[in-house]
All heavy atoms as atom14 arrays in JSON, in Angstrom:
{
  "sequence": "GLLQPIVITKKGEENIIVAGERRYRASILAGIKEVPVIVKNVTDKE",
  "atom14_mask": [
    [1, 1, 1, 1, 0, 0, 0, 0, 0, 0, 0, 0, 0, 0],
    [1, 1, 1, 1, 1, 1, 1, 1, 0, 0, 0, 0, 0, 0],
    [1, 1, 1, 1, 1, 1, 1, 1, 0, 0, 0, 0, 0, 0],
    [1, 1, 1, 1, 1, 1, 1, 1, 1, 0, 0, 0, 0, 0],
    [1, 1, 1, 1, 1, 1, 1, 0, 0, 0, 0, 0, 0, 0],
    [1, 1, 1, 1, 1, 1, 1, 1, 0, 0, 0, 0, 0, 0],
    [1, 1, 1, 1, 1, 1, 1, 0, 0, 0, 0, 0, 0, 0],
    [1, 1, 1, 1, 1, 1, 1, 1, 0, 0, 0, 0, 0, 0],
    [1, 1, 1, 1, 1, 1, 1, 0, 0, 0, 0, 0, 0, 0],
    [1, 1, 1, 1, 1, 1, 1, 1, 1, 0, 0, 0, 0, 0],
    [1, 1, 1, 1, 1, 1, 1, 1, 1, 0, 0, 0, 0, 0],
    [1, 1, 1, 1, 0, 0, 0, 0, 0, 0, 0, 0, 0, 0],
    [1, 1, 1, 1, 1, 1, 1, 1, 1, 0, 0, 0, 0, 0],
    [1, 1, 1, 1, 1, 1, 1, 1, 1, 0, 0, 0, 0, 0],
    [1, 1, 1, 1, 1, 1, 1, 1, 0, 0, 0, 0, 0, 0],
    [1, 1, 1, 1, 1, 1, 1, 1, 0, 0, 0, 0, 0, 0],
    [1, 1, 1, 1, 1, 1, 1, 1, 0, 0, 0, 0, 0, 0],
    [1, 1, 1, 1, 1, 1, 1, 0, 0, 0, 0, 0, 0, 0],
    [1, 1, 1, 1, 1, 0, 0, 0, 0, 0, 0, 0, 0, 0],
    [1, 1, 1, 1, 0, 0, 0, 0, 0, 0, 0, 0, 0, 0],
    [1, 1, 1, 1, 1, 1, 1, 1, 1, 0, 0, 0, 0, 0],
    [1, 1, 1, 1, 1, 1, 1, 1, 1, 1, 1, 0, 0, 0],
    [1, 1, 1, 1, 1, 1, 1, 1, 1, 1, 1, 0, 0, 0],
    [1, 1, 1, 1, 1, 1, 1, 1, 1, 1, 1, 1, 0, 0],
    [1, 1, 1, 1, 1, 1, 1, 1, 1, 1, 1, 0, 0, 0],
    [1, 1, 1, 1, 1, 0, 0, 0, 0, 0, 0, 0, 0, 0],
    [1, 1, 1, 1, 1, 1, 0, 0, 0, 0, 0, 0, 0, 0],
    [1, 1, 1, 1, 1, 1, 1, 1, 0, 0, 0, 0, 0, 0],
    [1, 1, 1, 1, 1, 1, 1, 1, 0, 0, 0, 0, 0, 0],
    [1, 1, 1, 1, 1, 0, 0, 0, 0, 0, 0, 0, 0, 0],
    [1, 1, 1, 1, 0, 0, 0, 0, 0, 0, 0, 0, 0, 0],
    [1, 1, 1, 1, 1, 1, 1, 1, 0, 0, 0, 0, 0, 0],
    [1, 1, 1, 1, 1, 1, 1, 1, 1, 0, 0, 0, 0, 0],
    [1, 1, 1, 1, 1, 1, 1, 1, 1, 0, 0, 0, 0, 0],
    [1, 1, 1, 1, 1, 1, 1, 0, 0, 0, 0, 0, 0, 0],
    [1, 1, 1, 1, 1, 1, 1, 0, 0, 0, 0, 0, 0, 0],
    [1, 1, 1, 1, 1, 1, 1, 0, 0, 0, 0, 0, 0, 0],
    [1, 1, 1, 1, 1, 1, 1, 1, 0, 0, 0, 0, 0, 0],
    [1, 1, 1, 1, 1, 1, 1, 0, 0, 0, 0, 0, 0, 0],
    [1, 1, 1, 1, 1, 1, 1, 1, 1, 0, 0, 0, 0, 0],
    [1, 1, 1, 1, 1, 1, 1, 1, 0, 0, 0, 0, 0, 0],
    [1, 1, 1, 1, 1, 1, 1, 0, 0, 0, 0, 0, 0, 0],
    [1, 1, 1, 1, 1, 1, 1, 0, 0, 0, 0, 0, 0, 0],
    [1, 1, 1, 1, 1, 1, 1, 1, 0, 0, 0, 0, 0, 0],
    [1, 1, 1, 1, 1, 1, 1, 1, 1, 0, 0, 0, 0, 0],
    [1, 1, 1, 1, 1, 1, 1, 1, 1, 0, 0, 0, 0, 0]
  ],
  "atom14_positions": [
    [[10.77, 104.28, 128.13], [11.14, 103.02, 128.75], [10.8, 101.86, 127.82], [10.18, 102.04, 126.77], [0.0, 0.0, 0.0], [0.0, 0.0, 0.0], [0.0, 0.0, 0.0], [0.0, 0.0, 0.0], [0.0, 0.0, 0.0], [0.0, 0.0, 0.0], [0.0, 0.0, 0.0], [0.0, 0.0, 0.0], [0.0, 0.0, 0.0], [0.0, 0.0, 0.0]],
    [[11.21, 100.65, 128.2], [10.92, 99.46, 127.41], [9.52, 98.97, 127.77], [9.29, 98.45, 128.86], [11.97, 98.37, 127.69], [11.88, 97.1, 126.83], [12.03, 97.43, 125.35], [12.95, 96.1, 127.25], [0.0, 0.0, 0.0], [0.0, 0.0, 0.0], [0.0, 0.0, 0.0], [0.0, 0.0, 0.0], [0.0, 0.0, 0.0], [0.0, 0.0, 0.0]],
    [[8.58, 99.14, 126.85], [7.17, 98.87, 127.14], [6.83, 97.38, 127.04], [5.87, 96.93, 127.66], [6.28, 99.66, 126.17], [6.48, 101.18, 126.2], [5.54, 101.85, 125.21], [6.24, 101.73, 127.61], [0.0, 0.0, 0.0], [0.0, 0.0, 0.0], [0.0, 0.0, 0.0], [0.0, 0.0, 0.0], [0.0, 0.0, 0.0], [0.0, 0.0, 0.0]],
    [[7.59, 96.62, 126.26], [7.32, 95.19, 126.1], [8.49, 94.39, 126.65], [9.63, 94.56, 126.22], [7.11, 94.85, 124.63], [6.68, 93.4, 124.4], [6.38, 93.13, 122.94], [6.47, 94.02, 122.1], [6.04, 91.9, 122.62], [0.0, 0.0, 0.0], [0.0, 0.0, 0.0], [0.0, 0.0, 0.0], [0.0, 0.0, 0.0], [0.0, 0.0, 0.0]],
    [[8.25, 93.51, 127.63], [9.36, 92.75, 128.24], [10.07, 91.84, 127.25], [9.5, 91.41, 126.24], [8.66, 91.91, 129.32], [7.35, 92.57, 129.54], [6.96, 93.19, 128.24], [0.0, 0.0, 0.0], [0.0, 0.0, 0.0], [0.0, 0.0, 0.0], [0.0, 0.0, 0.0], [0.0, 0.0, 0.0], [0.0, 0.0, 0.0], [0.0, 0.0, 0.0]],
    [[11.32, 91.56, 127.55], [12.1, 90.58, 126.79], [11.84, 89.21, 127.41], [11.8, 89.07, 128.63], [13.6, 90.92, 126.85], [13.86, 92.26, 126.15], [14.45, 89.82, 126.21], [15.27, 92.8, 126.36], [0.0, 0.0, 0.0], [0.0, 0.0, 0.0], [0.0, 0.0, 0.0], [0.0, 0.0, 0.0], [0.0, 0.0, 0.0], [0.0, 0.0, 0.0]],
    [[11.62, 88.21, 126.58], [11.38, 86.85, 127.09], [12.72, 86.11, 127.1], [13.43, 86.07, 126.09], [10.37, 86.09, 126.2], [10.12, 84.69, 126.76], [9.06, 86.87, 126.11], [0.0, 0.0, 0.0], [0.0, 0.0, 0.0], [0.0, 0.0, 0.0], [0.0, 0.0, 0.0], [0.0, 0.0, 0.0], [0.0, 0.0, 0.0], [0.0, 0.0, 0.0]],
    [[13.07, 85.55, 128.25], [14.34, 84.84, 128.38], [14.1, 83.44, 128.94], [13.04, 83.13, 129.48], [15.32, 85.6, 129.3], [14.76, 85.69, 130.73], [15.63, 86.98, 128.74], [15.76, 86.26, 131.74], [0.0, 0.0, 0.0], [0.0, 0.0, 0.0], [0.0, 0.0, 0.0], [0.0, 0.0, 0.0], [0.0, 0.0, 0.0], [0.0, 0.0, 0.0]],
    [[15.11, 82.59, 128.8], [15.1, 81.28, 129.43], [16.45, 81.05, 130.06], [17.47, 81.59, 129.6], [14.78, 80.17, 128.4], [14.6, 78.92, 129.09], [15.91, 80.0, 127.39], [0.0, 0.0, 0.0], [0.0, 0.0, 0.0], [0.0, 0.0, 0.0], [0.0, 0.0, 0.0], [0.0, 0.0, 0.0], [0.0, 0.0, 0.0], [0.0, 0.0, 0.0]],
    [[16.49, 80.27, 131.12], [17.76, 80.01, 131.82], [18.38, 78.72, 131.28], [17.75, 77.68, 131.24], [17.51, 79.89, 133.32], [17.14, 81.23, 133.97], [17.12, 81.12, 135.48], [16.85, 82.5, 136.11], [17.94, 83.45, 135.88], [0.0, 0.0, 0.0], [0.0, 0.0, 0.0], [0.0, 0.0, 0.0], [0.0, 0.0, 0.0], [0.0, 0.0, 0.0]],
    [[19.62, 78.84, 130.85], [20.41, 77.7, 130.4], [21.65, 77.65, 131.28], [22.62, 78.38, 131.07], [20.81, 77.85, 128.93], [19.63, 77.84, 127.96], [18.93, 76.51, 127.94], [17.74, 76.51, 126.98], [17.0, 75.24, 127.03], [0.0, 0.0, 0.0], [0.0, 0.0, 0.0], [0.0, 0.0, 0.0], [0.0, 0.0, 0.0], [0.0, 0.0, 0.0]],
    [[21.6, 76.81, 132.32], [22.68, 76.8, 133.3], [22.66, 78.1, 134.07], [21.66, 78.48, 134.66], [0.0, 0.0, 0.0], [0.0, 0.0, 0.0], [0.0, 0.0, 0.0], [0.0, 0.0, 0.0], [0.0, 0.0, 0.0], [0.0, 0.0, 0.0], [0.0, 0.0, 0.0], [0.0, 0.0, 0.0], [0.0, 0.0, 0.0], [0.0, 0.0, 0.0]],
    [[23.77, 78.81, 134.03], [23.87, 80.1, 134.72], [23.54, 81.28, 133.81], [23.56, 82.42, 134.24], [25.3, 80.28, 135.26], [25.72, 79.24, 136.3], [24.83, 79.28, 137.53], [24.52, 80.4, 137.99], [24.44, 78.2, 138.02], [0.0, 0.0, 0.0], [0.0, 0.0, 0.0], [0.0, 0.0, 0.0], [0.0, 0.0, 0.0], [0.0, 0.0, 0.0]],
    [[23.22, 81.0, 132.54], [23.02, 82.07, 131.58], [21.54, 82.34, 131.33], [20.71, 81.42, 131.39], [23.71, 81.74, 130.25], [25.23, 81.65, 130.36], [25.87, 81.38, 129.01], [25.21, 80.75, 128.15], [27.02, 81.81, 128.81], [0.0, 0.0, 0.0], [0.0, 0.0, 0.0], [0.0, 0.0, 0.0], [0.0, 0.0, 0.0], [0.0, 0.0, 0.0]],
    [[21.22, 83.62, 131.04], [19.88, 84.02, 130.64], [19.89, 84.25, 129.13], [20.49, 85.21, 128.65], [19.47, 85.31, 131.35], [19.38, 85.14, 132.86], [18.79, 84.19, 133.35], [19.98, 86.07, 133.59], [0.0, 0.0, 0.0], [0.0, 0.0, 0.0], [0.0, 0.0, 0.0], [0.0, 0.0, 0.0], [0.0, 0.0, 0.0], [0.0, 0.0, 0.0]],
    [[19.25, 83.35, 128.37], [19.27, 83.4, 126.92], [17.95, 83.98, 126.4], [16.87, 83.63, 126.87], [19.48, 82.0, 126.32], [20.76, 81.37, 126.9], [19.56, 82.08, 124.8], [22.03, 82.13, 126.59], [0.0, 0.0, 0.0], [0.0, 0.0, 0.0], [0.0, 0.0, 0.0], [0.0, 0.0, 0.0], [0.0, 0.0, 0.0], [0.0, 0.0, 0.0]],
    [[18.04, 84.86, 125.41], [16.86, 85.5, 124.86], [16.04, 84.5, 124.03], [16.56, 83.85, 123.12], [17.24, 86.7, 123.98], [17.93, 87.78, 124.83], [16.02, 87.28, 123.27], [18.48, 88.94, 124.02], [0.0, 0.0, 0.0], [0.0, 0.0, 0.0], [0.0, 0.0, 0.0], [0.0, 0.0, 0.0], [0.0, 0.0, 0.0], [0.0, 0.0, 0.0]],
    [[14.76, 84.4, 124.37], [13.81, 83.62, 123.57], [13.17, 84.53, 122.53], [13.05, 84.18, 121.36], [12.71, 83.0, 124.47], [11.65, 82.3, 123.62], [13.31, 82.05, 125.48], [0.0, 0.0, 0.0], [0.0, 0.0, 0.0], [0.0, 0.0, 0.0], [0.0, 0.0, 0.0], [0.0, 0.0, 0.0], [0.0, 0.0, 0.0], [0.0, 0.0, 0.0]],
    [[12.74, 85.71, 122.96], [12.1, 86.67, 122.06], [12.44, 88.08, 122.53], [12.34, 88.39, 123.71], [10.58, 86.47, 122.05], [0.0, 0.0, 0.0], [0.0, 0.0, 0.0], [0.0, 0.0, 0.0], [0.0, 0.0, 0.0], [0.0, 0.0, 0.0], [0.0, 0.0, 0.0], [0.0, 0.0, 0.0], [0.0, 0.0, 0.0], [0.0, 0.0, 0.0]],
    [[12.86, 88.93, 121.58], [13.13, 90.32, 121.93], [14.56, 90.77, 121.76], [14.99, 91.73, 122.42], [0.0, 0.0, 0.0], [0.0, 0.0, 0.0], [0.0, 0.0, 0.0], [0.0, 0.0, 0.0], [0.0, 0.0, 0.0], [0.0, 0.0, 0.0], [0.0, 0.0, 0.0], [0.0, 0.0, 0.0], [0.0, 0.0, 0.0], [0.0, 0.0, 0.0]],
    [[15.32, 90.12, 120.86], [16.73, 90.54, 120.71], [16.83, 91.97, 120.18], [17.73, 92.72, 120.55], [17.5, 89.59, 119.8], [18.96, 89.98, 119.7], [19.84, 88.97, 118.99], [19.43, 87.8, 118.86], [20.94, 89.36, 118.56], [0.0, 0.0, 0.0], [0.0, 0.0, 0.0], [0.0, 0.0, 0.0], [0.0, 0.0, 0.0], [0.0, 0.0, 0.0]],
    [[15.88, 92.36, 119.33], [15.9, 93.74, 118.82], [15.71, 94.72, 119.96], [16.4, 95.75, 120.03], [14.8, 93.91, 117.77], [14.74, 95.29, 117.14], [13.8, 95.29, 115.95], [13.58, 96.64, 115.45], [12.62, 97.45, 115.87], [11.77, 97.03, 116.8], [12.48, 98.66, 115.39], [0.0, 0.0, 0.0], [0.0, 0.0, 0.0], [0.0, 0.0, 0.0]],
    [[14.8, 94.43, 120.88], [14.58, 95.3, 122.04], [15.81, 95.3, 122.94], [16.17, 96.33, 123.52], [13.34, 94.82, 122.83], [12.07, 94.88, 122.01], [10.82, 94.66, 122.86], [10.73, 93.33, 123.42], [10.26, 92.27, 122.77], [9.89, 92.38, 121.49], [10.17, 91.09, 123.36], [0.0, 0.0, 0.0], [0.0, 0.0, 0.0], [0.0, 0.0, 0.0]],
    [[16.47, 94.15, 123.04], [17.7, 94.02, 123.83], [18.8, 94.93, 123.25], [19.45, 95.69, 123.98], [18.13, 92.55, 123.82], [19.56, 92.28, 124.21], [19.96, 92.22, 125.55], [20.53, 92.04, 123.23], [21.27, 91.96, 125.9], [21.84, 91.77, 123.57], [22.21, 91.73, 124.92], [23.5, 91.45, 125.25], [0.0, 0.0, 0.0], [0.0, 0.0, 0.0]],
    [[18.98, 94.87, 121.94], [20.02, 95.67, 121.3], [19.72, 97.17, 121.42], [20.62, 97.98, 121.65], [20.15, 95.28, 119.82], [20.78, 93.9, 119.61], [20.73, 93.5, 118.14], [21.39, 92.23, 117.91], [22.5, 92.06, 117.19], [23.09, 93.11, 116.67], [23.04, 90.86, 117.02], [0.0, 0.0, 0.0], [0.0, 0.0, 0.0], [0.0, 0.0, 0.0]],
    [[18.44, 97.53, 121.23], [18.06, 98.94, 121.33], [18.23, 99.45, 122.77], [18.59, 100.61, 122.98], [16.62, 99.12, 120.87], [0.0, 0.0, 0.0], [0.0, 0.0, 0.0], [0.0, 0.0, 0.0], [0.0, 0.0, 0.0], [0.0, 0.0, 0.0], [0.0, 0.0, 0.0], [0.0, 0.0, 0.0], [0.0, 0.0, 0.0], [0.0, 0.0, 0.0]],
    [[17.99, 98.59, 123.74], [18.16, 98.98, 125.15], [19.63, 99.26, 125.46], [19.95, 100.18, 126.22], [17.64, 97.87, 126.07], [16.26, 97.69, 125.91], [0.0, 0.0, 0.0], [0.0, 0.0, 0.0], [0.0, 0.0, 0.0], [0.0, 0.0, 0.0], [0.0, 0.0, 0.0], [0.0, 0.0, 0.0], [0.0, 0.0, 0.0], [0.0, 0.0, 0.0]],
    [[20.52, 98.49, 124.86], [21.95, 98.75, 125.03], [22.31, 100.11, 124.45], [23.03, 100.9, 125.08], [22.79, 97.64, 124.35], [22.61, 96.3, 125.08], [24.26, 98.02, 124.3], [23.3, 95.12, 124.41], [0.0, 0.0, 0.0], [0.0, 0.0, 0.0], [0.0, 0.0, 0.0], [0.0, 0.0, 0.0], [0.0, 0.0, 0.0], [0.0, 0.0, 0.0]],
    [[21.78, 100.4, 123.24], [22.03, 101.71, 122.62], [21.47, 102.84, 123.48], [22.04, 103.93, 123.54], [21.39, 101.76, 121.22], [22.07, 100.97, 120.11], [21.26, 101.1, 118.81], [23.49, 101.48, 119.87], [0.0, 0.0, 0.0], [0.0, 0.0, 0.0], [0.0, 0.0, 0.0], [0.0, 0.0, 0.0], [0.0, 0.0, 0.0], [0.0, 0.0, 0.0]],
    [[20.34, 102.58, 124.14], [19.71, 103.6, 124.97], [20.46, 103.83, 126.27], [20.21, 104.82, 126.98], [18.26, 103.21, 125.27], [0.0, 0.0, 0.0], [0.0, 0.0, 0.0], [0.0, 0.0, 0.0], [0.0, 0.0, 0.0], [0.0, 0.0, 0.0], [0.0, 0.0, 0.0], [0.0, 0.0, 0.0], [0.0, 0.0, 0.0], [0.0, 0.0, 0.0]],
    [[21.38, 102.92, 126.61], [22.2, 103.1, 127.79], [21.53, 102.72, 129.1], [22.0, 103.12, 130.17], [0.0, 0.0, 0.0], [0.0, 0.0, 0.0], [0.0, 0.0, 0.0], [0.0, 0.0, 0.0], [0.0, 0.0, 0.0], [0.0, 0.0, 0.0], [0.0, 0.0, 0.0], [0.0, 0.0, 0.0], [0.0, 0.0, 0.0], [0.0, 0.0, 0.0]],
    [[20.44, 101.95, 129.04], [19.78, 101.55, 130.29], [20.46, 100.3, 130.85], [21.07, 99.52, 130.12], [18.27, 101.32, 130.09], [18.01, 100.17, 129.11], [17.59, 102.58, 129.61], [16.54, 99.86, 128.95], [0.0, 0.0, 0.0], [0.0, 0.0, 0.0], [0.0, 0.0, 0.0], [0.0, 0.0, 0.0], [0.0, 0.0, 0.0], [0.0, 0.0, 0.0]],
    [[20.34, 100.11, 132.14], [21.05, 99.04, 132.83], [20.2, 97.8, 133.08], [20.7, 96.68, 133.1], [21.6, 99.54, 134.17], [22.52, 100.75, 134.05], [23.73, 100.45, 133.18], [24.66, 101.66, 133.09], [25.81, 101.41, 132.18], [0.0, 0.0, 0.0], [0.0, 0.0, 0.0], [0.0, 0.0, 0.0], [0.0, 0.0, 0.0], [0.0, 0.0, 0.0]],
    [[18.9, 98.02, 133.31], [18.0, 96.91, 133.6], [16.79, 96.95, 132.67], [16.37, 98.02, 132.26], [17.5, 96.97, 135.05], [18.56, 96.63, 136.09], [17.96, 96.54, 137.49], [16.94, 97.23, 137.73], [18.5, 95.8, 138.31], [0.0, 0.0, 0.0], [0.0, 0.0, 0.0], [0.0, 0.0, 0.0], [0.0, 0.0, 0.0], [0.0, 0.0, 0.0]],
    [[16.26, 95.78, 132.36], [15.08, 95.7, 131.49], [14.06, 94.75, 132.1], [14.44, 93.81, 132.83], [15.45, 95.21, 130.08], [16.26, 96.25, 129.33], [16.19, 93.88, 130.13], [0.0, 0.0, 0.0], [0.0, 0.0, 0.0], [0.0, 0.0, 0.0], [0.0, 0.0, 0.0], [0.0, 0.0, 0.0], [0.0, 0.0, 0.0], [0.0, 0.0, 0.0]],
    [[12.77, 94.94, 131.82], [11.76, 93.98, 132.28], [11.86, 92.7, 131.45], [12.04, 92.75, 130.23], [10.44, 94.71, 132.01], [10.75, 95.67, 130.92], [12.18, 96.08, 131.11], [0.0, 0.0, 0.0], [0.0, 0.0, 0.0], [0.0, 0.0, 0.0], [0.0, 0.0, 0.0], [0.0, 0.0, 0.0], [0.0, 0.0, 0.0], [0.0, 0.0, 0.0]],
    [[11.77, 91.56, 132.13], [11.85, 90.27, 131.44], [10.77, 89.33, 131.95], [10.27, 89.48, 133.07], [13.24, 89.6, 131.61], [14.34, 90.48, 131.07], [13.48, 89.24, 133.06], [0.0, 0.0, 0.0], [0.0, 0.0, 0.0], [0.0, 0.0, 0.0], [0.0, 0.0, 0.0], [0.0, 0.0, 0.0], [0.0, 0.0, 0.0], [0.0, 0.0, 0.0]],
    [[10.42, 88.37, 131.11], [9.58, 87.24, 131.51], [10.44, 86.0, 131.35], [11.03, 85.78, 130.28], [8.32, 87.15, 130.64], [7.42, 88.36, 130.89], [7.54, 85.86, 130.94], [6.2, 88.41, 129.98], [0.0, 0.0, 0.0], [0.0, 0.0, 0.0], [0.0, 0.0, 0.0], [0.0, 0.0, 0.0], [0.0, 0.0, 0.0], [0.0, 0.0, 0.0]],
    [[10.52, 85.19, 132.38], [11.36, 83.99, 132.34], [10.49, 82.78, 131.96], [9.46, 82.52, 132.58], [12.03, 83.72, 133.71], [12.92, 82.49, 133.63], [12.83, 84.95, 134.14], [0.0, 0.0, 0.0], [0.0, 0.0, 0.0], [0.0, 0.0, 0.0], [0.0, 0.0, 0.0], [0.0, 0.0, 0.0], [0.0, 0.0, 0.0], [0.0, 0.0, 0.0]],
    [[10.91, 82.06, 130.91], [10.21, 80.87, 130.46], [11.13, 79.66, 130.57], [12.33, 79.75, 130.3], [9.78, 81.02, 129.0], [8.7, 82.05, 128.75], [7.35, 81.52, 129.18], [6.22, 82.43, 128.73], [4.91, 81.93, 129.17], [0.0, 0.0, 0.0], [0.0, 0.0, 0.0], [0.0, 0.0, 0.0], [0.0, 0.0, 0.0], [0.0, 0.0, 0.0]],
    [[10.57, 78.54, 130.95], [11.32, 77.29, 131.02], [11.04, 76.5, 129.75], [9.99, 75.87, 129.61], [10.88, 76.49, 132.25], [11.6, 75.16, 132.35], [12.72, 75.02, 131.84], [10.97, 74.18, 132.97], [0.0, 0.0, 0.0], [0.0, 0.0, 0.0], [0.0, 0.0, 0.0], [0.0, 0.0, 0.0], [0.0, 0.0, 0.0], [0.0, 0.0, 0.0]],
    [[11.97, 76.56, 128.79], [11.74, 75.91, 127.5], [12.9, 74.98, 127.14], [14.03, 75.17, 127.57], [11.56, 76.95, 126.36], [10.33, 77.8, 126.6], [12.8, 77.84, 126.23], [0.0, 0.0, 0.0], [0.0, 0.0, 0.0], [0.0, 0.0, 0.0], [0.0, 0.0, 0.0], [0.0, 0.0, 0.0], [0.0, 0.0, 0.0], [0.0, 0.0, 0.0]],
    [[12.59, 73.98, 126.31], [13.61, 73.07, 125.8], [14.31, 73.75, 124.62], [13.85, 74.77, 124.1], [12.99, 71.75, 125.34], [12.14, 72.01, 124.2], [12.17, 71.1, 126.45], [0.0, 0.0, 0.0], [0.0, 0.0, 0.0], [0.0, 0.0, 0.0], [0.0, 0.0, 0.0], [0.0, 0.0, 0.0], [0.0, 0.0, 0.0], [0.0, 0.0, 0.0]],
    [[15.4, 73.14, 124.14], [16.1, 73.68, 122.98], [15.18, 73.72, 121.76], [15.21, 74.66, 120.97], [17.35, 72.84, 122.67], [18.44, 73.04, 123.71], [18.41, 74.05, 124.43], [19.32, 72.16, 123.81], [0.0, 0.0, 0.0], [0.0, 0.0, 0.0], [0.0, 0.0, 0.0], [0.0, 0.0, 0.0], [0.0, 0.0, 0.0], [0.0, 0.0, 0.0]],
    [[14.37, 72.67, 121.59], [13.44, 72.62, 120.45], [12.43, 73.75, 120.54], [12.17, 74.46, 119.56], [12.72, 71.27, 120.42], [11.67, 71.15, 119.32], [10.99, 69.78, 119.37], [9.89, 69.69, 118.32], [9.21, 68.38, 118.34], [0.0, 0.0, 0.0], [0.0, 0.0, 0.0], [0.0, 0.0, 0.0], [0.0, 0.0, 0.0], [0.0, 0.0, 0.0]],
    [[11.84, 73.93, 121.71], [10.86, 75.0, 121.91], [11.49, 76.37, 121.69], [10.87, 77.27, 121.12], [10.27, 74.9, 123.32], [9.39, 73.67, 123.51], [9.12, 73.36, 124.98], [9.74, 74.0, 125.86], [8.31, 72.46, 125.24], [0.0, 0.0, 0.0], [0.0, 0.0, 0.0], [0.0, 0.0, 0.0], [0.0, 0.0, 0.0], [0.0, 0.0, 0.0]]
  ]
}
């Protein structure tokens, strides 16, 4: 399973990756449907 969550932020209706794109891509290759995430509220600069 995915041991380290992907960090995302909400931009409008979209969930954008803050940290963990490599884990995101590998999860797609693994064929899993859902992943653990942590949601952060960050500005574009952050």
